[in-house]
């Protein structure tokens, strides 16, 4: 099973950022130009409760996608849903009183895809995350959520109880004070179009990164196999608290593998690679 294919090109994108149309410091034009200048292939502008980009278009070589961020206050937590790639006007259909699943449903009905934003920052619980459906991904890392940016732990707990979310990483840029361009999603799409990006993400052909490249991720012959750019650490995570061989360390590691433990009840597995600068890339968890 090839989870990341070695023979298909990648497109680099950020699926979460804000402008002066909500609580961002920069106007839409400046935000789009900043990401284009950094060499991004696609960008979704996701202002709070506002669609700043009504239809997809090319800003030079970069695809700009419609987007929105919906926010809901629940007891002891909040839920933020990022939507991108909508093909119809989403705003008249939203009913915030009906909660976050209604927002997800409306995003999907309008041709978009929904992402759970910064679940650790939001203090989301396993029960809350397990209840959602028709969600394309969750943010494993959110650059702007500086106090709780890494959501891997809660997403692993949720996966261990049967609800697996594919992983994206996002800047969630607001201040544009250095957080932009750090965390992104690499998508193996057939072309740089809105439909192709969504189709690739529906198929799970993407991973989250801050710099390291995942060249191949596969499950074969009872092992998870990873090929990547040079890193110093490769970690394999699953629902089992401890198994042997799940940590590989060294200089310029470019491949690693992990023997799966089906007999012990291993139900999912994912990998994280970390380079010499401390930057990570994450594969999505895969059901075994």
Protein backbone atom coordinates (compact mmCIF):
# COMPACT_ATOMS: atom_id res chain seq x y z
CA UNK A 1 0.00 0.00 0.00
CA UNK A 2 1.60 3.26 -1.15
CA UNK A 3 0.58 6.13 1.15
CA UNK A 4 2.99 8.64 -0.41
CA UNK A 5 3.83 7.77 -3.99
CA UNK A 6 7.42 8.24 -5.25
CA UNK A 7 6.40 8.93 -8.87
CA UNK A 8 3.98 11.85 -8.52
CA UNK A 9 4.81 15.57 -8.08
CA UNK A 10 4.01 17.48 -4.90
CA UNK A 11 2.39 20.89 -4.49
CA UNK A 12 3.15 22.97 -1.40
CA UNK A 13 0.29 24.89 0.18
CA UNK A 14 -1.07 26.67 3.22
CA UNK A 15 -4.73 26.03 3.97
CA UNK A 16 -5.22 28.48 6.84
CA UNK A 17 -4.49 32.23 6.97
CA UNK A 18 -6.23 35.52 7.74
CA UNK A 19 -6.43 39.03 6.33
CA UNK A 20 -7.81 42.42 7.32
CA UNK A 21 -11.22 41.07 6.30
CA UNK A 22 -11.26 39.38 9.71
CA UNK A 23 -8.45 39.59 12.30
CA UNK A 24 -5.32 39.46 10.12
CA UNK A 25 -2.77 42.28 9.98
CA UNK A 26 -2.36 42.30 6.19
CA UNK A 27 -4.81 42.91 3.36
CA UNK A 28 -5.67 39.96 1.08
CA UNK A 29 -3.47 41.21 -1.74
CA UNK A 30 -0.43 41.45 0.56
CA UNK A 31 -1.03 37.99 2.04
CA UNK A 32 -1.36 36.39 -1.39
CA UNK A 33 1.77 38.12 -2.66
CA UNK A 34 3.75 37.04 0.42
CA UNK A 35 2.96 33.36 -0.09
CA UNK A 36 3.49 33.61 -3.83
CA UNK A 37 6.93 35.16 -3.22
CA UNK A 38 7.82 32.28 -0.88
CA UNK A 39 7.24 29.85 -3.72
CA UNK A 40 3.98 28.31 -2.55
CA UNK A 41 1.88 26.47 -5.11
CA UNK A 42 -1.51 27.05 -3.49
CA UNK A 43 -3.07 29.10 -0.70
CA UNK A 44 -6.51 29.15 0.91
CA UNK A 45 -7.52 32.48 2.45
CA UNK A 46 -9.68 31.54 5.45
CA UNK A 47 -11.01 34.62 7.19
CA UNK A 48 -13.31 34.18 10.18
CA UNK A 49 -16.93 33.87 9.05
CA UNK A 50 -16.07 35.68 5.81
CA UNK A 51 -15.18 34.47 2.31
CA UNK A 52 -12.50 36.85 1.03
CA UNK A 53 -11.81 34.96 -2.22
CA UNK A 54 -15.10 33.98 -3.93
CA UNK A 55 -13.65 31.77 -6.67
CA UNK A 56 -10.30 30.06 -7.36
CA UNK A 57 -7.79 31.94 -9.49
CA UNK A 58 -4.09 31.91 -10.35
CA UNK A 59 -1.90 34.60 -8.81
CA UNK A 60 1.03 34.11 -11.15
CA UNK A 61 2.06 30.50 -10.59
CA UNK A 62 0.13 30.13 -7.30
CA UNK A 63 -3.44 28.85 -7.03
CA UNK A 64 -5.59 30.90 -4.63
CA UNK A 65 -8.57 29.06 -3.15
CA UNK A 66 -11.77 30.26 -1.47
CA UNK A 67 -11.83 29.56 2.24
CA UNK A 68 -13.44 30.36 5.57
CA UNK A 69 -12.93 29.66 9.28
CA UNK A 70 -16.00 28.89 11.38
CA UNK A 71 -15.81 29.09 15.17
CA UNK A 72 -18.05 27.54 17.81
CA UNK A 73 -17.95 27.88 21.60
CA UNK A 74 -18.67 24.66 23.52
CA UNK A 75 -18.40 24.06 27.28
CA UNK A 76 -14.68 24.08 28.23
CA UNK A 77 -13.53 24.08 24.59
CA UNK A 78 -13.95 25.74 21.22
CA UNK A 79 -14.19 24.17 17.78
CA UNK A 80 -12.73 25.93 14.76
CA UNK A 81 -13.48 24.50 11.33
CA UNK A 82 -11.50 25.61 8.28
CA UNK A 83 -13.25 25.20 4.96
CA UNK A 84 -11.57 25.52 1.58
CA UNK A 85 -12.44 25.04 -2.07
CA UNK A 86 -16.14 25.91 -1.81
CA UNK A 87 -17.90 26.30 -5.16
CA UNK A 88 -21.06 28.02 -3.91
CA UNK A 89 -21.89 30.83 -1.49
CA UNK A 90 -21.63 29.23 1.93
CA UNK A 91 -22.78 32.12 4.12
CA UNK A 92 -26.58 31.99 3.57
CA UNK A 93 -26.63 28.28 4.45
CA UNK A 94 -24.79 28.48 7.77
CA UNK A 95 -26.68 28.09 11.05
CA UNK A 96 -24.20 28.64 13.87
CA UNK A 97 -26.78 27.64 16.47
CA UNK A 98 -26.74 24.08 15.09
CA UNK A 99 -23.06 23.63 15.95
CA UNK A 100 -19.87 22.62 14.16
CA UNK A 101 -21.19 19.55 12.36
CA UNK A 102 -23.67 21.80 10.57
CA UNK A 103 -20.73 23.96 9.43
CA UNK A 104 -18.90 20.88 8.16
CA UNK A 105 -22.03 19.73 6.35
CA UNK A 106 -22.51 23.11 4.67
CA UNK A 107 -18.85 23.28 3.59
CA UNK A 108 -19.21 19.86 1.99
CA UNK A 109 -22.58 20.69 0.40
CA UNK A 110 -20.97 23.74 -1.21
CA UNK A 111 -18.20 21.64 -2.76
CA UNK A 112 -15.55 22.41 -0.16
CA UNK A 113 -13.49 20.36 2.27
CA UNK A 114 -13.41 20.76 6.06
CA UNK A 115 -10.39 20.71 8.39
CA UNK A 116 -10.36 20.69 12.20
CA UNK A 117 -8.14 23.63 13.16
CA UNK A 118 -5.63 23.53 16.05
CA UNK A 119 -7.46 20.92 18.20
CA UNK A 120 -4.91 21.10 21.03
CA UNK A 121 -5.06 24.90 21.21
CA UNK A 122 -8.86 24.59 21.20
CA UNK A 123 -8.75 22.07 24.10
CA UNK A 124 -10.75 19.64 22.02
CA UNK A 125 -11.48 16.32 23.67
CA UNK A 126 -11.43 12.83 22.25
CA UNK A 127 -15.22 12.72 22.57
CA UNK A 128 -15.64 15.92 20.57
CA UNK A 129 -13.21 14.90 17.84
CA UNK A 130 -14.62 11.39 17.58
CA UNK A 131 -18.12 12.71 16.88
CA UNK A 132 -17.37 14.60 13.64
CA UNK A 133 -17.77 13.07 10.19
CA UNK A 134 -17.03 14.16 6.60
CA UNK A 135 -13.84 15.93 7.72
CA UNK A 136 -10.86 15.83 5.35
CA UNK A 137 -8.07 16.43 7.89
CA UNK A 138 -7.00 17.93 11.19
CA UNK A 139 -4.09 20.26 11.87
CA UNK A 140 -1.31 18.31 13.55
CA UNK A 141 0.66 21.57 13.83
CA UNK A 142 -0.52 25.18 13.80
CA UNK A 143 2.26 27.77 13.78
CA UNK A 144 0.19 30.64 15.19
CA UNK A 145 -1.00 28.63 18.21
CA UNK A 146 2.33 29.25 19.93
CA UNK A 147 1.24 28.07 23.38
CA UNK A 148 -0.23 24.77 22.14
CA UNK A 149 0.85 24.37 18.51
CA UNK A 150 1.30 20.58 18.35
CA UNK A 151 -1.91 18.51 18.33
CA UNK A 152 -0.30 15.10 17.75
CA UNK A 153 -1.07 13.79 21.23
CA UNK A 154 -4.83 14.38 21.21
CA UNK A 155 -5.05 13.16 17.61
CA UNK A 156 -3.19 9.96 18.59
CA UNK A 157 -5.54 9.38 21.53
CA UNK A 158 -8.51 9.90 19.22
CA UNK A 159 -6.98 7.51 16.66
CA UNK A 160 -6.36 4.90 19.36
CA UNK A 161 -10.09 4.96 20.04
CA UNK A 162 -10.99 4.46 16.39
CA UNK A 163 -11.26 7.91 14.77
CA UNK A 164 -8.30 8.62 12.47
CA UNK A 165 -7.76 12.11 11.10
CA UNK A 166 -5.32 12.69 8.23
CA UNK A 167 -2.74 15.36 9.08
CA UNK A 168 -2.16 18.82 7.63
CA UNK A 169 0.04 21.61 9.00
CA UNK A 170 -0.83 25.29 8.69
CA UNK A 171 0.53 28.72 9.54
CA UNK A 172 -2.83 30.21 10.60
CA UNK A 173 -1.10 33.51 9.85
CA UNK A 174 -2.53 36.58 11.61
CA UNK A 175 0.27 38.95 12.61
CA UNK A 176 2.69 38.22 9.74
CA UNK A 177 5.51 38.66 12.21
CA UNK A 178 7.49 35.59 11.15
CA UNK A 179 4.89 32.84 11.52
CA UNK A 180 4.15 32.76 7.80
CA UNK A 181 5.87 30.13 5.69
CA UNK A 182 6.70 27.70 8.52
CA UNK A 183 4.08 24.93 8.48
CA UNK A 184 2.47 23.65 5.31
CA UNK A 185 0.85 20.74 3.51
CA UNK A 186 2.37 18.83 0.59
CA UNK A 187 -0.24 17.41 -1.79
CA UNK A 188 0.34 14.89 -4.60
CA UNK A 189 -2.25 16.17 -7.08
CA UNK A 190 -2.62 15.42 -10.77
CA UNK A 191 -2.60 19.15 -11.57
CA UNK A 192 -2.57 22.51 -9.85
CA UNK A 193 -6.32 23.06 -9.85
CA UNK A 194 -8.90 23.28 -7.09
CA UNK A 195 -10.54 20.05 -8.19
CA UNK A 196 -7.24 18.18 -8.37
CA UNK A 197 -6.12 19.39 -4.93
CA UNK A 198 -9.43 18.30 -3.39
CA UNK A 199 -9.35 14.94 -5.20
CA UNK A 200 -5.80 14.25 -3.98
CA UNK A 201 -6.73 15.10 -0.43
CA UNK A 202 -9.81 12.91 -0.65
CA UNK A 203 -7.44 10.09 -1.65
CA UNK A 204 -5.10 10.82 1.29
CA UNK A 205 -2.19 11.83 -0.95
CA UNK A 206 -0.70 14.51 1.30
CA UNK A 207 1.46 15.03 4.35
CA UNK A 208 2.28 17.82 6.80
CA UNK A 209 5.71 19.43 6.97
CA UNK A 210 7.95 22.24 8.20
CA UNK A 211 10.77 21.39 5.81
CA UNK A 212 11.64 17.68 5.67
CA UNK A 213 10.33 15.86 2.61
CA UNK A 214 8.58 12.52 2.67
CA UNK A 215 9.45 10.87 -0.64
CA UNK A 216 7.73 7.55 -0.05
CA UNK A 217 5.57 6.10 2.71
CA UNK A 218 4.27 2.56 2.29
CA UNK A 219 2.93 -0.45 4.15
CA UNK A 220 4.39 -3.64 2.75
CA UNK A 221 5.52 -7.04 3.98
CA UNK A 222 4.35 -6.29 7.50
CA UNK A 223 6.33 -3.06 7.85
CA UNK A 224 5.86 0.69 7.52
CA UNK A 225 8.56 2.02 5.19
CA UNK A 226 9.64 5.65 4.97
CA UNK A 227 11.98 7.35 2.50
CA UNK A 228 12.73 11.01 3.16
CA UNK A 229 15.17 13.88 2.86
CA UNK A 230 18.09 13.67 5.35
CA UNK A 231 16.86 13.76 8.96
CA UNK A 232 18.24 12.85 12.38
CA UNK A 233 15.23 11.09 13.89
CA UNK A 234 12.35 8.95 12.65
CA UNK A 235 9.57 8.06 15.07
CA UNK A 236 6.75 5.58 14.50
CA UNK A 237 3.56 6.04 16.52
CA UNK A 238 0.61 3.70 17.00
CA UNK A 239 -2.11 2.79 19.49
CA UNK A 240 0.38 0.61 21.37
CA UNK A 241 2.12 2.44 24.20
CA UNK A 242 5.45 0.68 23.62
CA UNK A 243 6.90 -1.55 20.92
CA UNK A 244 10.53 -2.18 19.93
CA UNK A 245 12.15 -0.51 16.92
CA UNK A 246 9.96 2.56 16.76
CA UNK A 247 12.81 5.11 17.12
CA UNK A 248 15.57 5.46 14.50
CA UNK A 249 18.34 8.00 15.10
CA UNK A 250 21.46 8.94 13.19
CA UNK A 251 23.07 11.44 10.86
CA UNK A 252 21.46 11.99 7.46
CA UNK A 253 18.91 9.20 7.80
CA UNK A 254 17.02 8.89 4.51
CA UNK A 255 15.10 5.65 5.02
CA UNK A 256 13.64 3.71 7.90
CA UNK A 257 11.12 0.97 8.56
CA UNK A 258 9.10 -0.36 11.44
CA UNK A 259 7.79 -3.90 11.96
CA UNK A 260 4.04 -3.84 12.60
CA UNK A 261 2.68 -5.69 15.61
CA UNK A 262 -0.64 -7.09 14.45
CA UNK A 263 -0.62 -9.89 17.02
CA UNK A 264 -0.38 -7.36 19.86
CA UNK A 265 -3.39 -5.41 18.55
CA UNK A 266 -1.69 -2.61 16.63
CA UNK A 267 -4.52 -0.83 14.80
CA UNK A 268 -2.91 2.28 13.31
CA UNK A 269 0.55 3.61 12.56
CA UNK A 270 2.08 6.90 11.47
CA UNK A 271 5.57 8.39 11.27
CA UNK A 272 7.25 11.67 12.13
CA UNK A 273 10.69 12.68 10.87
CA UNK A 274 12.78 15.45 12.43
CA UNK A 275 15.78 17.10 10.77
CA UNK A 276 18.93 18.63 12.26
CA UNK A 277 17.19 22.01 12.65
CA UNK A 278 14.33 20.47 14.63
CA UNK A 279 11.83 20.75 11.79
CA UNK A 280 9.30 17.95 11.39
CA UNK A 281 7.26 16.21 8.74
CA UNK A 282 4.31 14.00 9.65
CA UNK A 283 2.59 11.24 7.72
CA UNK A 284 -1.09 10.70 8.36
CA UNK A 285 -2.11 7.77 10.56
CA UNK A 286 -3.13 4.73 8.56
CA UNK A 287 -5.57 2.07 9.68
CA UNK A 288 -4.03 -1.39 9.76
